[in-house]
Amino acid sequence: MTTGAVNMRSSASTSGSVITLLAKGTSVRVGESSGSWRKVTAGSRTGWVHSDYLSGALTSRVTTGAVNMRSGPSTSNAVVTLIAKGTTVSVAGSQGSWRKVYVGTRDGWVHNDYLK
């Protein structure tokens, strides 16, 4: 969610052209990271927003082995995709030993034992 009105840009820089202005409180889906910038999707538009304007700070972690990304925080949930060893993921939350992660345009859950 945006913490203030913010420009969504075409690249991870203030020199990127403005795609649209997102109003304060806009819900966004966060994808990959580039430094302090986050690739976000709001409605049908995708672009870059500086992390200072997003609530729910994301942290970056790296997978320690190939790991299944699941649709929920349990091994009983469906596998969304297989994440390769050494992939950087953005962590947006947790539930017990599971972490809500974003990789590119996908999101799901990974057990903390597979992250460093």
N, C-alpha and C. Protein backbone atom coordinates (compact mmCIF):
# COMPACT_ATOMS: atom_id res chain seq x y z
N MET A 1 0.85 -1.16 0.00
CA MET A 1 0.00 0.00 0.00
C MET A 1 0.90 1.24 0.00
N THR A 2 0.50 2.23 -0.76
CA THR A 2 1.29 3.46 -0.82
C THR A 2 1.02 4.32 0.42
N THR A 3 2.08 4.94 0.92
CA THR A 3 1.95 5.76 2.14
C THR A 3 1.70 7.23 1.82
N GLY A 4 1.76 7.58 0.56
CA GLY A 4 1.51 8.94 0.10
C GLY A 4 1.32 8.90 -1.40
N ALA A 5 0.92 10.02 -1.99
CA ALA A 5 0.84 10.08 -3.45
C ALA A 5 2.25 9.89 -4.00
N VAL A 6 2.38 9.04 -5.01
CA VAL A 6 3.71 8.71 -5.52
C VAL A 6 3.64 8.42 -7.01
N ASN A 7 4.70 8.82 -7.72
CA ASN A 7 4.79 8.53 -9.13
C ASN A 7 5.21 7.08 -9.35
N MET A 8 4.49 6.37 -10.22
CA MET A 8 4.93 5.06 -10.69
C MET A 8 5.75 5.34 -11.94
N ARG A 9 6.97 4.83 -11.97
CA ARG A 9 7.90 5.14 -13.05
C ARG A 9 8.21 3.93 -13.93
N SER A 10 8.73 4.21 -15.13
CA SER A 10 9.04 3.16 -16.10
C SER A 10 10.32 2.42 -15.76
N SER A 11 11.16 2.99 -14.91
CA SER A 11 12.40 2.32 -14.49
C SER A 11 12.66 2.67 -13.03
N ALA A 12 13.61 1.96 -12.44
CA ALA A 12 13.92 2.12 -11.02
C ALA A 12 14.82 3.32 -10.78
N SER A 13 14.31 4.50 -11.13
CA SER A 13 15.08 5.73 -11.01
C SER A 13 14.14 6.92 -11.16
N THR A 14 14.51 8.04 -10.55
CA THR A 14 13.70 9.24 -10.73
C THR A 14 13.80 9.76 -12.16
N SER A 15 14.74 9.27 -12.94
CA SER A 15 14.83 9.67 -14.35
C SER A 15 13.89 8.84 -15.24
N GLY A 16 13.28 7.78 -14.70
CA GLY A 16 12.31 7.00 -15.46
C GLY A 16 11.05 7.82 -15.69
N SER A 17 10.45 7.67 -16.85
CA SER A 17 9.24 8.44 -17.15
C SER A 17 8.10 8.02 -16.21
N VAL A 18 7.23 8.97 -15.92
CA VAL A 18 6.10 8.73 -15.02
C VAL A 18 5.01 8.00 -15.80
N ILE A 19 4.60 6.85 -15.29
CA ILE A 19 3.52 6.08 -15.91
C ILE A 19 2.18 6.60 -15.42
N THR A 20 2.09 6.79 -14.10
CA THR A 20 0.86 7.31 -13.49
C THR A 20 1.17 7.79 -12.08
N LEU A 21 0.28 8.55 -11.51
CA LEU A 21 0.38 8.98 -10.12
C LEU A 21 -0.53 8.08 -9.30
N LEU A 22 0.05 7.40 -8.32
CA LEU A 22 -0.73 6.54 -7.43
C LEU A 22 -1.14 7.36 -6.20
N ALA A 23 -2.42 7.32 -5.87
CA ALA A 23 -2.93 8.05 -4.72
C ALA A 23 -2.48 7.38 -3.43
N LYS A 24 -2.42 8.15 -2.36
CA LYS A 24 -2.11 7.59 -1.04
C LYS A 24 -3.12 6.48 -0.73
N GLY A 25 -2.61 5.35 -0.22
CA GLY A 25 -3.47 4.25 0.16
C GLY A 25 -3.77 3.26 -0.96
N THR A 26 -3.16 3.46 -2.13
CA THR A 26 -3.39 2.54 -3.25
C THR A 26 -2.78 1.18 -2.92
N SER A 27 -3.54 0.12 -3.11
CA SER A 27 -3.02 -1.24 -2.91
C SER A 27 -2.20 -1.62 -4.13
N VAL A 28 -1.01 -2.12 -3.88
CA VAL A 28 -0.13 -2.55 -4.95
C VAL A 28 0.38 -3.95 -4.67
N ARG A 29 0.71 -4.64 -5.73
CA ARG A 29 1.36 -5.94 -5.61
C ARG A 29 2.84 -5.71 -5.88
N VAL A 30 3.68 -6.11 -4.95
CA VAL A 30 5.11 -5.85 -5.05
C VAL A 30 5.81 -7.04 -5.66
N GLY A 31 6.67 -6.78 -6.64
CA GLY A 31 7.46 -7.83 -7.28
C GLY A 31 8.92 -7.69 -6.95
N GLU A 32 9.74 -7.66 -7.96
CA GLU A 32 11.18 -7.64 -7.77
C GLU A 32 11.67 -6.32 -7.18
N SER A 33 12.91 -6.31 -6.74
CA SER A 33 13.54 -5.13 -6.16
C SER A 33 14.77 -4.75 -6.96
N SER A 34 15.08 -3.46 -6.94
CA SER A 34 16.32 -2.94 -7.51
C SER A 34 16.77 -1.83 -6.58
N GLY A 35 17.69 -2.16 -5.68
CA GLY A 35 18.11 -1.19 -4.67
C GLY A 35 16.93 -0.84 -3.79
N SER A 36 16.62 0.45 -3.68
CA SER A 36 15.51 0.92 -2.86
C SER A 36 14.19 0.99 -3.63
N TRP A 37 14.19 0.54 -4.86
CA TRP A 37 13.00 0.58 -5.71
C TRP A 37 12.31 -0.77 -5.74
N ARG A 38 10.98 -0.74 -5.86
CA ARG A 38 10.18 -1.96 -5.96
C ARG A 38 9.33 -1.90 -7.22
N LYS A 39 9.32 -3.02 -7.95
CA LYS A 39 8.44 -3.12 -9.11
C LYS A 39 7.06 -3.48 -8.58
N VAL A 40 6.06 -2.66 -8.91
CA VAL A 40 4.72 -2.85 -8.38
C VAL A 40 3.69 -2.91 -9.50
N THR A 41 2.59 -3.56 -9.19
CA THR A 41 1.44 -3.59 -10.08
C THR A 41 0.26 -3.02 -9.33
N ALA A 42 -0.39 -2.05 -9.95
CA ALA A 42 -1.60 -1.44 -9.40
C ALA A 42 -2.64 -1.48 -10.52
N GLY A 43 -3.66 -2.28 -10.32
CA GLY A 43 -4.64 -2.47 -11.40
C GLY A 43 -3.97 -3.14 -12.59
N SER A 44 -4.06 -2.51 -13.75
CA SER A 44 -3.47 -3.09 -14.96
C SER A 44 -2.10 -2.48 -15.29
N ARG A 45 -1.61 -1.60 -14.43
CA ARG A 45 -0.33 -0.93 -14.69
C ARG A 45 0.78 -1.49 -13.83
N THR A 46 1.97 -1.61 -14.42
CA THR A 46 3.14 -2.08 -13.70
C THR A 46 4.27 -1.08 -13.90
N GLY A 47 4.97 -0.77 -12.83
CA GLY A 47 6.09 0.16 -12.89
C GLY A 47 6.86 0.13 -11.59
N TRP A 48 7.69 1.14 -11.39
CA TRP A 48 8.59 1.18 -10.24
C TRP A 48 8.22 2.31 -9.28
N VAL A 49 8.29 1.99 -7.97
CA VAL A 49 8.02 2.96 -6.91
C VAL A 49 9.14 2.84 -5.88
N HIS A 50 9.59 3.98 -5.36
CA HIS A 50 10.62 3.95 -4.32
C HIS A 50 10.02 3.36 -3.05
N SER A 51 10.79 2.51 -2.37
CA SER A 51 10.30 1.80 -1.19
C SER A 51 9.89 2.72 -0.05
N ASP A 52 10.40 3.96 -0.03
CA ASP A 52 10.00 4.91 1.01
C ASP A 52 8.51 5.21 0.98
N TYR A 53 7.86 4.95 -0.16
CA TYR A 53 6.44 5.26 -0.32
C TYR A 53 5.55 4.03 -0.20
N LEU A 54 6.10 2.94 0.30
CA LEU A 54 5.34 1.70 0.46
C LEU A 54 5.32 1.30 1.92
N SER A 55 4.16 0.88 2.41
CA SER A 55 4.09 0.38 3.78
C SER A 55 4.40 -1.10 3.78
N GLY A 56 4.74 -1.62 4.95
CA GLY A 56 5.10 -3.03 5.05
C GLY A 56 6.46 -3.25 4.42
N ALA A 57 7.49 -2.81 5.10
CA ALA A 57 8.85 -2.88 4.57
C ALA A 57 9.20 -4.30 4.15
N LEU A 58 9.80 -4.41 2.97
CA LEU A 58 10.24 -5.70 2.45
C LEU A 58 11.71 -5.89 2.75
N THR A 59 12.07 -7.10 3.03
CA THR A 59 13.48 -7.42 3.19
C THR A 59 13.86 -8.43 2.12
N SER A 60 15.11 -8.44 1.75
CA SER A 60 15.60 -9.38 0.74
C SER A 60 16.31 -10.53 1.43
N ARG A 61 16.05 -11.75 0.94
CA ARG A 61 16.71 -12.94 1.42
C ARG A 61 17.10 -13.77 0.20
N VAL A 62 17.98 -14.74 0.40
CA VAL A 62 18.46 -15.59 -0.68
C VAL A 62 18.14 -17.04 -0.35
N THR A 63 17.66 -17.80 -1.34
CA THR A 63 17.35 -19.21 -1.11
C THR A 63 18.63 -20.01 -0.95
N THR A 64 18.62 -20.93 0.00
CA THR A 64 19.81 -21.75 0.30
C THR A 64 19.83 -23.04 -0.51
N GLY A 65 18.75 -23.33 -1.18
CA GLY A 65 18.63 -24.51 -2.03
C GLY A 65 17.41 -24.33 -2.91
N ALA A 66 17.21 -25.24 -3.84
CA ALA A 66 15.98 -25.21 -4.62
C ALA A 66 14.82 -25.43 -3.66
N VAL A 67 13.78 -24.62 -3.78
CA VAL A 67 12.68 -24.68 -2.81
C VAL A 67 11.34 -24.45 -3.51
N ASN A 68 10.33 -25.17 -3.05
CA ASN A 68 8.98 -24.97 -3.57
C ASN A 68 8.36 -23.71 -2.97
N MET A 69 7.85 -22.84 -3.83
CA MET A 69 7.03 -21.72 -3.38
C MET A 69 5.60 -22.25 -3.37
N ARG A 70 4.93 -22.09 -2.25
CA ARG A 70 3.59 -22.65 -2.08
C ARG A 70 2.52 -21.56 -2.00
N SER A 71 1.28 -21.96 -2.26
CA SER A 71 0.16 -21.01 -2.25
C SER A 71 -0.24 -20.59 -0.85
N GLY A 72 0.22 -21.30 0.17
CA GLY A 72 -0.07 -20.97 1.56
C GLY A 72 1.05 -21.48 2.45
N PRO A 73 1.02 -21.12 3.73
CA PRO A 73 2.12 -21.45 4.65
C PRO A 73 2.06 -22.86 5.22
N SER A 74 2.10 -23.85 4.34
CA SER A 74 2.07 -25.25 4.77
C SER A 74 2.49 -26.14 3.61
N THR A 75 3.09 -27.28 3.91
CA THR A 75 3.45 -28.23 2.85
C THR A 75 2.20 -28.85 2.22
N SER A 76 1.05 -28.68 2.83
CA SER A 76 -0.19 -29.20 2.23
C SER A 76 -0.76 -28.26 1.17
N ASN A 77 -0.22 -27.04 1.07
CA ASN A 77 -0.66 -26.11 0.04
C ASN A 77 0.00 -26.43 -1.29
N ALA A 78 -0.66 -26.06 -2.38
CA ALA A 78 -0.17 -26.33 -3.73
C ALA A 78 1.16 -25.60 -4.00
N VAL A 79 1.99 -26.23 -4.82
CA VAL A 79 3.25 -25.62 -5.25
C VAL A 79 2.94 -24.62 -6.36
N VAL A 80 3.39 -23.37 -6.19
CA VAL A 80 3.21 -22.32 -7.19
C VAL A 80 4.31 -22.43 -8.23
N THR A 81 5.54 -22.58 -7.77
CA THR A 81 6.70 -22.70 -8.65
C THR A 81 7.89 -23.22 -7.84
N LEU A 82 8.91 -23.65 -8.54
CA LEU A 82 10.16 -24.05 -7.89
C LEU A 82 11.13 -22.89 -8.02
N ILE A 83 11.68 -22.43 -6.89
CA ILE A 83 12.64 -21.33 -6.90
C ILE A 83 14.03 -21.94 -6.84
N ALA A 84 14.90 -21.52 -7.74
CA ALA A 84 16.26 -22.05 -7.82
C ALA A 84 17.11 -21.60 -6.63
N LYS A 85 18.09 -22.40 -6.29
CA LYS A 85 19.06 -22.05 -5.25
C LYS A 85 19.75 -20.74 -5.63
N GLY A 86 19.94 -19.86 -4.64
CA GLY A 86 20.64 -18.60 -4.86
C GLY A 86 19.77 -17.47 -5.39
N THR A 87 18.46 -17.69 -5.46
CA THR A 87 17.54 -16.66 -5.94
C THR A 87 17.25 -15.66 -4.81
N THR A 88 17.30 -14.37 -5.12
CA THR A 88 16.94 -13.34 -4.15
C THR A 88 15.43 -13.16 -4.18
N VAL A 89 14.81 -13.23 -3.02
CA VAL A 89 13.37 -13.05 -2.89
C VAL A 89 13.11 -11.86 -1.97
N SER A 90 11.95 -11.23 -2.14
CA SER A 90 11.51 -10.16 -1.25
C SER A 90 10.55 -10.77 -0.25
N VAL A 91 10.81 -10.56 1.04
CA VAL A 91 9.97 -11.10 2.09
C VAL A 91 9.04 -9.99 2.59
N ALA A 92 7.74 -10.29 2.56
CA ALA A 92 6.75 -9.28 2.93
C ALA A 92 6.03 -9.59 4.23
N GLY A 93 6.21 -10.78 4.77
CA GLY A 93 5.52 -11.13 6.01
C GLY A 93 5.86 -12.53 6.44
N SER A 94 5.26 -12.96 7.56
CA SER A 94 5.56 -14.29 8.05
C SER A 94 4.35 -14.86 8.78
N GLN A 95 4.33 -16.17 8.86
CA GLN A 95 3.36 -16.90 9.66
C GLN A 95 4.09 -18.11 10.19
N GLY A 96 4.40 -18.09 11.48
CA GLY A 96 5.20 -19.16 12.06
C GLY A 96 6.57 -19.22 11.41
N SER A 97 6.95 -20.39 10.91
CA SER A 97 8.26 -20.57 10.25
C SER A 97 8.21 -20.30 8.75
N TRP A 98 7.07 -19.83 8.25
CA TRP A 98 6.90 -19.59 6.82
C TRP A 98 7.01 -18.10 6.51
N ARG A 99 7.54 -17.79 5.32
CA ARG A 99 7.70 -16.40 4.89
C ARG A 99 6.92 -16.17 3.61
N LYS A 100 6.17 -15.05 3.57
CA LYS A 100 5.46 -14.62 2.35
C LYS A 100 6.51 -13.94 1.48
N VAL A 101 6.72 -14.45 0.27
CA VAL A 101 7.78 -13.93 -0.59
C VAL A 101 7.26 -13.55 -1.97
N TYR A 102 8.02 -12.67 -2.61
CA TYR A 102 7.78 -12.25 -3.99
C TYR A 102 9.02 -12.54 -4.80
N VAL A 103 8.83 -13.12 -5.98
CA VAL A 103 9.91 -13.35 -6.93
C VAL A 103 9.36 -12.96 -8.29
N GLY A 104 9.93 -11.90 -8.87
CA GLY A 104 9.38 -11.42 -10.15
C GLY A 104 7.93 -11.04 -9.96
N THR A 105 7.05 -11.61 -10.76
CA THR A 105 5.62 -11.29 -10.67
C THR A 105 4.85 -12.31 -9.84
N ARG A 106 5.54 -13.27 -9.26
CA ARG A 106 4.88 -14.32 -8.48
C ARG A 106 5.04 -14.09 -6.99
N ASP A 107 4.05 -14.56 -6.25
CA ASP A 107 4.15 -14.51 -4.79
C ASP A 107 3.66 -15.83 -4.22
N GLY A 108 4.16 -16.13 -3.03
CA GLY A 108 3.77 -17.36 -2.35
C GLY A 108 4.50 -17.48 -1.04
N TRP A 109 4.59 -18.70 -0.54
CA TRP A 109 5.16 -18.97 0.78
C TRP A 109 6.33 -19.93 0.69
N VAL A 110 7.38 -19.64 1.47
CA VAL A 110 8.58 -20.47 1.53
C VAL A 110 8.93 -20.69 3.00
N HIS A 111 9.35 -21.90 3.34
CA HIS A 111 9.76 -22.17 4.71
C HIS A 111 11.07 -21.43 5.00
N ASN A 112 11.17 -20.84 6.18
CA ASN A 112 12.32 -20.04 6.57
C ASN A 112 13.64 -20.83 6.53
N ASP A 113 13.58 -22.15 6.70
CA ASP A 113 14.80 -22.97 6.68
C ASP A 113 15.54 -22.86 5.34
N TYR A 114 14.85 -22.43 4.29
CA TYR A 114 15.45 -22.35 2.95
C TYR A 114 15.87 -20.92 2.58
N LEU A 115 15.90 -20.03 3.56
CA LEU A 115 16.28 -18.63 3.31
C LEU A 115 17.44 -18.23 4.21
N LYS A 116 18.35 -17.41 3.66
CA LYS A 116 19.43 -16.86 4.49
C LYS A 116 19.49 -15.36 4.31
